[in-house]
Protein backbone atom coordinates (compact mmCIF):
# COMPACT_ATOMS: atom_id res chain seq x y z
CA MET A 1 -0.02 0.02 0.00
CA GLY A 2 1.32 3.44 -0.95
CA VAL A 3 1.87 6.46 1.27
CA PHE A 4 2.34 10.16 0.73
CA GLU A 5 5.32 11.91 2.25
CA ILE A 6 4.65 15.62 2.61
CA GLN A 7 6.84 18.55 3.69
CA GLY A 8 4.29 21.08 4.73
CA GLY A 9 4.24 24.80 5.30
CA CYS A 10 5.02 25.79 1.70
CA PRO A 11 2.65 28.34 0.06
CA LEU A 12 1.43 27.18 -3.34
CA LYS A 13 0.75 29.23 -6.46
CA GLY A 14 -0.77 28.66 -9.87
CA GLY A 15 -3.85 27.50 -11.75
CA ILE A 16 -5.66 24.15 -11.61
CA ILE A 17 -8.43 22.63 -13.71
CA PRO A 18 -10.87 20.52 -11.70
CA GLN A 19 -11.37 16.88 -12.78
CA GLY A 20 -14.68 15.60 -14.06
CA ALA A 21 -17.31 14.98 -11.40
CA LYS A 22 -16.94 11.58 -9.72
CA ASN A 23 -20.56 11.27 -8.63
CA GLU A 24 -21.91 12.26 -12.05
CA ALA A 25 -19.55 9.91 -13.89
CA LEU A 26 -20.70 6.90 -11.80
CA GLN A 27 -24.34 7.57 -12.81
CA ILE A 28 -23.56 8.24 -16.50
CA LEU A 29 -21.45 5.09 -16.84
CA CYS A 30 -24.29 2.97 -15.46
CA ALA A 31 -26.75 4.65 -17.84
CA VAL A 32 -24.86 3.33 -20.91
CA LEU A 33 -26.41 -0.05 -20.07
CA LEU A 34 -29.85 1.29 -21.11
CA THR A 35 -29.04 1.15 -24.86
CA SER A 36 -27.34 -1.07 -27.40
CA GLU A 37 -26.07 1.98 -29.33
CA PRO A 38 -22.80 3.85 -28.76
CA VAL A 39 -22.64 6.48 -26.01
CA HIS A 40 -19.76 8.98 -26.09
CA VAL A 41 -18.73 10.46 -22.75
CA GLN A 42 -16.14 13.22 -22.19
CA ASN A 43 -14.37 14.46 -19.05
CA ILE A 44 -14.45 11.13 -17.20
CA PRO A 45 -12.11 11.41 -14.16
CA GLN A 46 -9.26 8.89 -14.08
CA ILE A 47 -9.79 7.79 -10.50
CA GLN A 48 -9.94 4.39 -8.83
CA ASP A 49 -13.69 4.25 -8.30
CA ILE A 50 -14.32 4.88 -11.98
CA LYS A 51 -11.72 2.26 -12.97
CA TYR A 52 -13.54 -0.31 -10.73
CA LEU A 53 -16.86 0.50 -12.41
CA MET A 54 -15.37 0.41 -15.93
CA CYS A 55 -13.90 -3.01 -15.11
CA ILE A 56 -17.34 -4.25 -14.14
CA LEU A 57 -18.88 -2.88 -17.36
CA LYS A 58 -16.16 -4.45 -19.47
CA ASN A 59 -16.58 -7.86 -17.83
CA LEU A 60 -20.32 -7.53 -18.30
CA GLY A 61 -19.66 -7.24 -22.06
CA VAL A 62 -19.70 -3.51 -22.62
CA THR A 63 -17.28 -2.44 -25.38
CA ILE A 64 -15.14 0.45 -24.12
CA GLN A 65 -13.01 2.51 -26.51
CA GLU A 66 -10.68 5.21 -25.25
CA ASN A 67 -10.69 8.18 -27.74
CA ALA A 68 -8.57 10.65 -25.71
CA HIS A 69 -7.78 11.41 -22.09
CA GLY A 70 -11.09 11.17 -20.26
CA HIS A 71 -13.06 10.64 -23.48
CA TYR A 72 -14.59 7.17 -24.04
CA THR A 73 -17.18 5.43 -26.19
CA PHE A 74 -19.30 2.76 -24.58
CA GLN A 75 -21.54 0.22 -26.34
CA ALA A 76 -23.63 -2.32 -24.47
CA ASN A 77 -24.93 -4.33 -27.40
CA THR A 78 -23.78 -7.81 -26.38
CA LEU A 79 -23.97 -8.26 -22.61
CA ASP A 80 -23.15 -11.44 -20.71
CA LEU A 81 -25.79 -11.50 -17.98
CA ASP A 82 -24.42 -14.79 -16.63
CA TYR A 83 -21.52 -12.73 -15.33
CA LEU A 84 -23.89 -11.31 -12.70
CA SER A 85 -24.09 -14.73 -11.08
CA THR A 86 -20.34 -15.26 -10.76
CA GLU A 87 -18.23 -14.81 -7.68
CA LYS A 88 -15.96 -12.54 -9.71
CA PHE A 89 -18.80 -10.05 -10.24
CA GLN A 90 -19.90 -10.21 -6.62
CA LYS A 91 -16.34 -9.47 -5.51
CA GLU A 92 -15.87 -6.61 -7.96
CA ALA A 93 -19.28 -5.04 -7.27
CA SER A 94 -18.61 -5.13 -3.51
CA MET A 95 -15.59 -2.85 -4.00
CA ILE A 96 -17.52 0.24 -5.01
CA ARG A 97 -20.84 1.64 -3.79
CA GLY A 98 -21.63 3.10 -7.23
CA SER A 99 -22.14 -0.43 -8.55
CA VAL A 100 -25.63 -0.35 -7.04
CA MET A 101 -26.69 1.91 -9.93
CA ILE A 102 -26.42 -0.85 -12.49
CA ILE A 103 -29.63 -2.32 -11.03
CA GLY A 104 -31.98 0.25 -12.54
CA PRO A 105 -30.70 0.01 -16.14
CA LEU A 106 -30.36 -3.78 -16.15
CA LEU A 107 -33.77 -4.29 -14.47
CA ALA A 108 -35.41 -1.99 -17.07
CA ARG A 109 -33.77 -3.54 -20.08
CA PHE A 110 -33.44 -7.21 -19.14
CA GLY A 111 -35.77 -7.75 -16.19
CA LYS A 112 -33.27 -9.14 -13.66
CA VAL A 113 -30.08 -8.36 -11.77
CA PHE A 114 -28.03 -9.82 -8.90
CA LEU A 115 -25.79 -7.67 -6.76
CA GLN A 116 -23.51 -8.12 -3.79
CA GLN A 117 -23.82 -5.62 -0.93
CA PRO A 118 -21.90 -2.66 -2.38
CA GLY A 119 -18.77 -1.25 -0.77
CA GLY A 120 -17.54 2.38 -0.60
CA ASP A 121 -16.58 4.63 2.27
CA LYS A 122 -17.02 3.43 5.87
CA ILE A 123 -18.81 6.52 7.13
CA GLY A 124 -21.81 5.01 8.88
CA ARG A 125 -25.07 3.42 7.82
CA ARG A 126 -25.82 3.77 4.11
CA ARG A 127 -29.16 2.09 3.53
CA LEU A 128 -30.41 1.00 0.15
CA ASP A 129 -34.10 0.89 1.11
CA THR A 130 -34.95 3.90 -1.02
CA HIS A 131 -33.66 2.14 -4.16
CA PHE A 132 -35.62 -1.08 -3.62
CA GLN A 133 -38.81 0.59 -2.48
CA GLY A 134 -38.73 2.50 -5.75
CA PHE A 135 -38.18 -0.69 -7.78
CA LYS A 136 -41.03 -2.41 -5.94
CA ALA A 137 -43.37 0.49 -6.68
CA LEU A 138 -42.56 -0.10 -10.40
CA GLY A 139 -43.56 -3.74 -10.09
CA ALA A 140 -40.22 -5.47 -9.38
CA ARG A 141 -39.81 -8.33 -6.94
CA PHE A 142 -36.99 -8.08 -4.45
CA GLU A 143 -35.10 -10.78 -2.57
CA TYR A 144 -32.16 -10.51 -0.17
CA SER A 145 -29.95 -13.31 1.10
CA GLN A 146 -28.65 -12.15 4.46
CA GLU A 147 -26.20 -15.04 4.62
CA LYS A 148 -24.60 -14.26 1.23
CA ARG A 149 -25.47 -10.52 1.36
CA ILE A 150 -26.73 -10.72 -2.23
CA TYR A 151 -29.67 -8.72 -3.65
CA LYS A 152 -31.86 -10.17 -6.40
CA VAL A 153 -34.33 -7.96 -8.24
CA HIS A 154 -36.45 -9.16 -11.16
CA ALA A 155 -39.54 -8.13 -13.13
CA GLU A 156 -41.07 -9.30 -16.43
CA ARG A 157 -41.90 -5.68 -17.31
CA LEU A 158 -41.75 -2.57 -15.15
CA THR A 159 -44.90 -0.47 -14.98
CA GLY A 160 -45.04 3.26 -14.31
CA ALA A 161 -46.28 4.32 -10.92
CA TYR A 162 -46.26 7.12 -8.32
CA VAL A 163 -43.01 6.81 -6.37
CA LEU A 164 -42.52 8.81 -3.18
CA LEU A 165 -38.92 8.44 -2.12
CA GLU A 166 -38.48 8.31 1.67
CA GLU A 167 -35.31 10.39 1.34
CA ALA A 168 -33.87 12.62 -1.41
CA SER A 169 -31.15 10.07 -2.16
CA ILE A 170 -29.00 10.99 -5.13
CA THR A 171 -28.11 7.37 -6.06
CA GLY A 172 -31.65 6.27 -5.22
CA THR A 173 -33.12 8.91 -7.49
CA ALA A 174 -30.72 8.00 -10.28
CA ASN A 175 -31.48 4.28 -9.97
CA VAL A 176 -35.30 4.67 -9.98
CA LEU A 177 -35.10 7.23 -12.79
CA MET A 178 -33.05 4.92 -14.99
CA ALA A 179 -35.53 2.08 -14.38
CA ALA A 180 -38.53 4.30 -15.11
CA VAL A 181 -37.40 5.54 -18.54
CA LEU A 182 -38.08 2.08 -20.05
CA ALA A 183 -41.12 1.23 -17.90
CA ARG A 184 -44.60 0.91 -19.39
CA GLY A 185 -46.61 4.09 -18.83
CA LYS A 186 -45.99 7.17 -16.68
CA THR A 187 -43.87 7.35 -13.54
CA THR A 188 -43.87 10.20 -11.08
CA ILE A 189 -40.91 10.50 -8.73
CA TYR A 190 -41.52 12.82 -5.79
CA ASN A 191 -38.91 13.92 -3.27
CA ALA A 192 -36.28 13.27 -5.94
CA ALA A 193 -32.76 14.58 -5.50
CA CYS A 194 -32.20 17.59 -7.78
CA GLU A 195 -28.39 18.07 -7.62
CA PRO A 196 -26.69 19.16 -10.85
CA TYR A 197 -25.45 15.60 -11.36
CA ILE A 198 -29.06 14.32 -11.40
CA GLN A 199 -29.88 17.12 -13.83
CA GLN A 200 -26.97 15.97 -15.99
CA LEU A 201 -28.29 12.41 -15.89
CA CYS A 202 -31.71 13.71 -17.02
CA LYS A 203 -29.98 15.61 -19.79
CA LEU A 204 -28.19 12.44 -20.96
CA LEU A 205 -31.36 10.32 -20.83
CA ILE A 206 -33.35 12.90 -22.77
CA SER A 207 -30.56 12.96 -25.43
CA MET A 208 -31.02 9.17 -25.63
CA GLY A 209 -34.71 9.58 -26.27
CA ALA A 210 -36.22 9.45 -22.77
CA ARG A 211 -39.24 11.61 -21.96
CA ILE A 212 -38.59 13.41 -18.69
CA GLU A 213 -40.17 16.54 -17.27
CA GLY A 214 -39.32 18.45 -14.10
CA THR A 215 -35.48 18.38 -14.42
CA GLY A 216 -33.94 20.43 -11.65
CA SER A 217 -36.96 20.01 -9.30
CA ASN A 218 -37.85 17.38 -6.74
CA LEU A 219 -40.79 16.20 -8.83
CA LEU A 220 -39.84 14.21 -11.94
CA SER A 221 -42.38 12.97 -14.49
CA VAL A 222 -41.22 10.16 -16.76
CA GLN A 223 -43.14 8.74 -19.70
CA GLY A 224 -41.65 5.35 -20.53
CA VAL A 225 -40.41 4.61 -24.03
CA GLU A 226 -39.75 1.31 -25.80
CA ALA A 227 -36.01 1.82 -26.38
CA LEU A 228 -33.24 4.38 -26.02
CA GLY A 229 -30.52 5.34 -28.52
CA GLY A 230 -26.92 6.58 -28.37
CA CYS A 231 -25.75 10.12 -27.65
CA SER A 232 -22.80 12.27 -26.60
CA HIS A 233 -22.32 13.79 -23.17
CA LYS A 234 -19.79 15.87 -21.25
CA ILE A 235 -19.41 15.56 -17.47
CA LEU A 236 -19.36 18.62 -15.27
CA PRO A 237 -16.38 19.72 -13.14
CA ASP A 238 -16.30 18.03 -9.73
CA MET A 239 -17.75 20.52 -7.23
CA ILE A 240 -16.27 18.63 -4.30
CA GLU A 241 -12.80 18.92 -5.76
CA ILE A 242 -13.42 22.61 -6.39
CA GLY A 243 -14.22 23.01 -2.67
CA SER A 244 -11.07 21.05 -1.81
CA TRP A 245 -8.88 23.45 -3.81
CA ILE A 246 -10.50 26.44 -2.09
CA ALA A 247 -9.76 24.84 1.30
CA LEU A 248 -6.17 24.15 0.33
CA ALA A 249 -5.60 27.77 -0.81
CA ALA A 250 -7.00 29.14 2.43
CA LEU A 251 -5.27 26.85 4.92
CA SER A 252 -1.85 27.01 3.24
CA ARG A 253 -2.11 30.76 2.56
CA SER A 254 -1.70 30.16 -1.16
CA GLU A 255 -2.75 31.99 -4.31
CA ILE A 256 -4.66 29.61 -6.53
CA THR A 257 -6.94 30.04 -9.56
CA ILE A 258 -9.44 27.22 -10.15
CA LYS A 259 -10.34 27.26 -13.83
CA ASN A 260 -13.56 26.40 -15.68
CA VAL A 261 -15.63 25.64 -12.56
CA SER A 262 -19.13 25.95 -14.13
CA TRP A 263 -20.26 28.61 -11.64
CA GLN A 264 -23.95 27.97 -12.32
CA ASN A 265 -23.57 24.41 -11.00
CA ILE A 266 -21.61 24.91 -7.70
CA GLY A 267 -24.42 26.38 -5.66
CA VAL A 268 -23.59 27.55 -2.12
CA ILE A 269 -20.01 26.23 -2.10
CA PRO A 270 -18.26 29.62 -2.56
CA ALA A 271 -20.61 31.29 -0.02
CA SER A 272 -19.94 28.55 2.54
CA PHE A 273 -16.19 29.24 2.43
CA GLN A 274 -16.83 32.97 2.46
CA LYS A 275 -18.63 32.45 5.80
CA LEU A 276 -15.27 31.31 7.15
CA GLY A 277 -13.81 34.64 6.02
CA ILE A 278 -12.08 33.35 2.84
CA LYS A 279 -11.81 35.82 -0.04
CA ILE A 280 -13.12 34.42 -3.28
CA GLU A 281 -13.27 36.29 -6.57
CA ARG A 282 -15.26 35.28 -9.66
CA ARG A 283 -13.25 35.87 -12.79
CA GLU A 284 -15.38 34.83 -15.77
CA ASP A 285 -15.81 31.04 -15.15
CA ASN A 286 -12.83 30.81 -12.79
CA ILE A 287 -12.43 31.12 -9.02
CA TYR A 288 -9.49 33.16 -7.79
CA ILE A 289 -8.39 32.79 -4.15
CA PRO A 290 -5.72 35.28 -3.07
CA SER A 291 -3.17 34.50 -0.45
CA GLN A 292 -4.59 35.48 2.97
CA ALA A 293 -2.57 35.83 6.16
CA HIS A 294 -5.78 35.56 8.24
CA TYR A 295 -9.49 34.93 7.78
CA ARG A 296 -12.26 35.45 10.29
CA ILE A 297 -15.34 33.27 10.75
CA GLN A 298 -18.65 35.14 10.50
CA LYS A 299 -21.36 34.92 13.08
CA PHE A 300 -25.09 34.77 12.60
CA ILE A 301 -27.01 38.08 12.63
CA ASP A 302 -27.98 37.63 16.29
CA GLY A 303 -24.29 37.14 17.22
CA SER A 304 -24.54 33.36 17.83
CA ILE A 305 -21.86 30.92 16.63
CA LEU A 306 -21.86 29.95 12.99
CA THR A 307 -23.14 26.49 12.08
CA LEU A 308 -22.28 24.76 8.82
CA ALA A 309 -24.56 21.81 8.13
CA ASP A 310 -25.25 19.53 5.16
CA ALA A 311 -28.59 19.54 3.38
CA PRO A 312 -30.11 18.30 0.13
CA TRP A 313 -29.44 20.48 -2.93
CA PRO A 314 -29.38 23.42 -3.15
CA GLY A 315 -28.02 23.03 0.39
CA LEU A 316 -24.41 22.15 1.29
CA SER A 317 -23.12 18.76 0.17
CA PRO A 318 -22.12 16.44 3.04
CA ASP A 319 -18.98 15.59 1.04
CA LEU A 320 -17.63 19.08 1.73
CA LEU A 321 -17.94 19.26 5.51
CA SER A 322 -14.61 17.47 6.08
CA VAL A 323 -12.66 20.08 4.10
CA LEU A 324 -14.67 22.96 5.62
CA LEU A 325 -13.82 21.63 9.08
CA VAL A 326 -10.08 21.46 8.40
CA THR A 327 -10.21 24.95 6.90
CA ALA A 328 -11.76 26.33 10.06
CA THR A 329 -8.87 25.03 12.22
CA GLN A 330 -6.73 28.13 11.26
CA ALA A 331 -9.55 30.70 11.04
CA LYS A 332 -10.20 33.37 13.66
CA GLY A 333 -13.31 32.42 15.58
CA SER A 334 -15.39 29.29 16.12
CA VAL A 335 -17.81 27.25 14.07
CA LEU A 336 -20.05 24.26 14.65
CA ILE A 337 -19.84 21.61 11.95
CA HIS A 338 -23.05 19.54 11.86
CA GLN A 339 -22.79 16.36 9.73
CA LYS A 340 -26.43 15.16 9.64
CA MET A 341 -26.23 12.37 7.15
CA PHE A 342 -23.39 10.08 8.26
CA GLU A 343 -22.56 9.31 11.89
CA SER A 344 -18.91 8.17 11.36
CA ARG A 345 -17.63 10.87 9.04
CA LEU A 346 -16.27 13.21 11.77
CA PHE A 347 -14.21 10.59 13.58
CA PHE A 348 -11.10 11.62 11.64
CA VAL A 349 -10.82 14.82 13.78
CA ASP A 350 -8.72 12.93 16.35
CA LYS A 351 -5.88 13.05 13.83
CA LEU A 352 -6.30 16.83 13.46
CA ILE A 353 -6.27 17.16 17.24
CA GLU A 354 -2.95 15.30 17.30
CA MET A 355 -1.65 17.85 14.82
CA GLY A 356 -2.58 20.64 17.19
CA ALA A 357 -6.08 21.61 16.05
CA GLN A 358 -8.60 22.77 18.70
CA ILE A 359 -11.67 20.67 18.08
CA ILE A 360 -14.38 19.38 20.39
CA LEU A 361 -16.20 16.31 19.05
CA CYS A 362 -19.58 16.84 20.60
CA ASP A 363 -21.13 13.61 19.31
CA PRO A 364 -20.84 11.48 16.11
CA HIS A 365 -22.61 14.18 14.13
CA ARG A 366 -21.26 17.49 15.51
CA ALA A 367 -17.85 19.04 16.08
CA THR A 368 -16.97 22.51 17.35
CA VAL A 369 -13.81 24.00 15.84
CA ILE A 370 -11.94 26.77 17.67
CA GLY A 371 -9.83 28.44 15.01
CA MET A 372 -6.22 29.36 15.85
CA ASN A 373 -5.88 32.26 13.44
CA HIS A 374 -2.56 30.85 12.10
CA ASN A 375 -0.96 31.79 15.42
CA SER A 376 -0.31 28.15 16.20
CA PRO A 377 0.22 26.18 12.99
CA LEU A 378 -0.63 22.50 12.66
CA ARG A 379 2.25 20.04 13.23
CA GLY A 380 3.33 17.29 10.83
CA SER A 381 2.20 13.86 11.86
CA SER A 382 1.67 10.25 10.75
CA LEU A 383 -1.86 9.98 9.42
CA ASN A 384 -4.21 7.38 8.01
CA SER A 385 -6.86 8.11 5.41
CA PRO A 386 -10.16 6.48 6.51
CA ASP A 387 -12.25 7.55 3.51
CA ILE A 388 -12.06 9.76 0.43
CA ARG A 389 -13.19 13.03 1.93
CA ALA A 390 -11.39 12.68 5.27
CA GLY A 391 -8.36 11.67 3.27
CA ILE A 392 -8.29 14.88 1.27
CA ALA A 393 -8.92 16.90 4.40
CA LEU A 394 -5.90 15.32 6.11
CA LEU A 395 -3.83 15.89 2.98
CA ILE A 396 -4.76 19.59 3.05
CA ALA A 397 -3.86 19.71 6.73
CA ALA A 398 -0.50 18.09 6.06
CA LEU A 399 0.33 20.53 3.25
CA SER A 400 -0.28 23.47 5.62
CA ALA A 401 1.43 21.94 8.67
CA GLN A 402 4.92 22.67 9.89
CA GLY A 403 7.27 19.69 9.31
CA LYS A 404 6.88 16.33 7.65
CA SER A 405 3.77 14.24 7.49
CA ILE A 406 3.15 10.71 6.29
CA ILE A 407 -0.32 9.69 5.06
CA HIS A 408 -1.07 5.97 4.87
CA ASN A 409 -3.92 4.22 3.04
CA ILE A 410 -3.78 6.78 0.20
CA GLU A 411 -5.75 4.37 -1.99
CA GLN A 412 -8.78 6.01 -0.38
CA ILE A 413 -7.70 9.42 -1.75
CA ASP A 414 -6.94 7.92 -5.17
CA ARG A 415 -10.55 6.61 -5.27
CA GLY A 416 -11.82 10.20 -5.69
CA TYR A 417 -8.92 12.41 -6.79
CA GLU A 418 -7.07 12.07 -10.09
CA CYS A 419 -3.23 12.17 -9.93
CA ILE A 420 -3.49 14.41 -6.87
CA ASP A 421 0.22 14.26 -6.05
CA LYS A 422 1.35 15.35 -9.53
CA ARG A 423 -1.20 18.14 -9.71
CA LEU A 424 -0.09 19.44 -6.28
CA GLN A 425 3.53 19.27 -7.38
CA ALA A 426 2.67 21.51 -10.31
CA LEU A 427 1.55 24.15 -7.79
CA GLY A 428 4.78 23.86 -5.82
CA ALA A 429 3.80 21.32 -3.19
CA LYS A 430 6.50 19.10 -1.65
CA ILE A 431 4.73 15.75 -1.88
CA LYS A 432 6.06 12.33 -2.84
CA ARG A 433 4.27 9.04 -3.44
CA LEU A 434 6.25 6.23 -1.82
């Protein structure tokens, strides 16, 4: 297993182009299973989770052609559905949570699918009830072997229905939506997630011939069609990586320009960092963060302590709270970080405390950060990356810390960030992959 060796405390400078959006790419790659015609996709991030999913698609029989960096053509015209019953598939599918989104397309097109309990970050309970309740509403039958931890979903033909999702799950919405586009009749999906990545999935499906209304809202109306065709699609920049670069610039007192961010699709992310006192300038479609010696956390209008909490779109993504938390460690003032969705995501703060951060972990969902205003810098340390987002937060902390840090289990970071060490080196970071 690889490690990063980092010599921190070096201000960075330069421009960076964010990678393609990981969460959008996982949905789009599963959607290619809905048609036998070629689907061209650009700006696919070259990260480990995407490589896992592309391996599954290839073994399933999808033809994958690389046209240029991040640009691929997929064609699912001769699939081997027997692969779904093999131990090889169950092992590969269990390595990535995004594999759960092959259920909707395969169920809609072929009427059956088997899937091992998916993997992914260990950040608390991540139920799949929303997915399967949606499939059942469309007429599918669902079986689960607790002993083998294998899901089986099958249906002769899905039928449109009113589907009220019990939570605005992004992957749940994507899965039910992809099943509904080939169902007989009309499907209404209420309490649907409406993140830009779901909007992008709707855009792709409509380009393939699907009939979808309500894109961008929490009420989707889908009129099923007999078949879908091929199309071309370009993936948005990754908003979570954009937030990570903002955090890095602030904490390391660096001057960084993040290019081609698609401002209309990043929502409250800039404003959330501005609440921590970070200066952000919009320059056309770029974000410019000047070097700041200090930044002060705002308070609410009544003078009470600022709270940053996750919420469904257009609220703050839970994936960003880890980097917001680490950014606050060197701000002036205090902030309460409230992670509502996952009960294990804040446990990495013990490593930040070892580095000298002033953090009170109130409970599994809340942490109070007392910023040190750069008067007492973080110290280099030996760290371990527990998941993708905590991993990048610890990497940002190490880059700003005084002295040398070692980060273990960097495979977690590689799952979500493309060539992160080389891209940091281009900005002047002293980081080595060992």
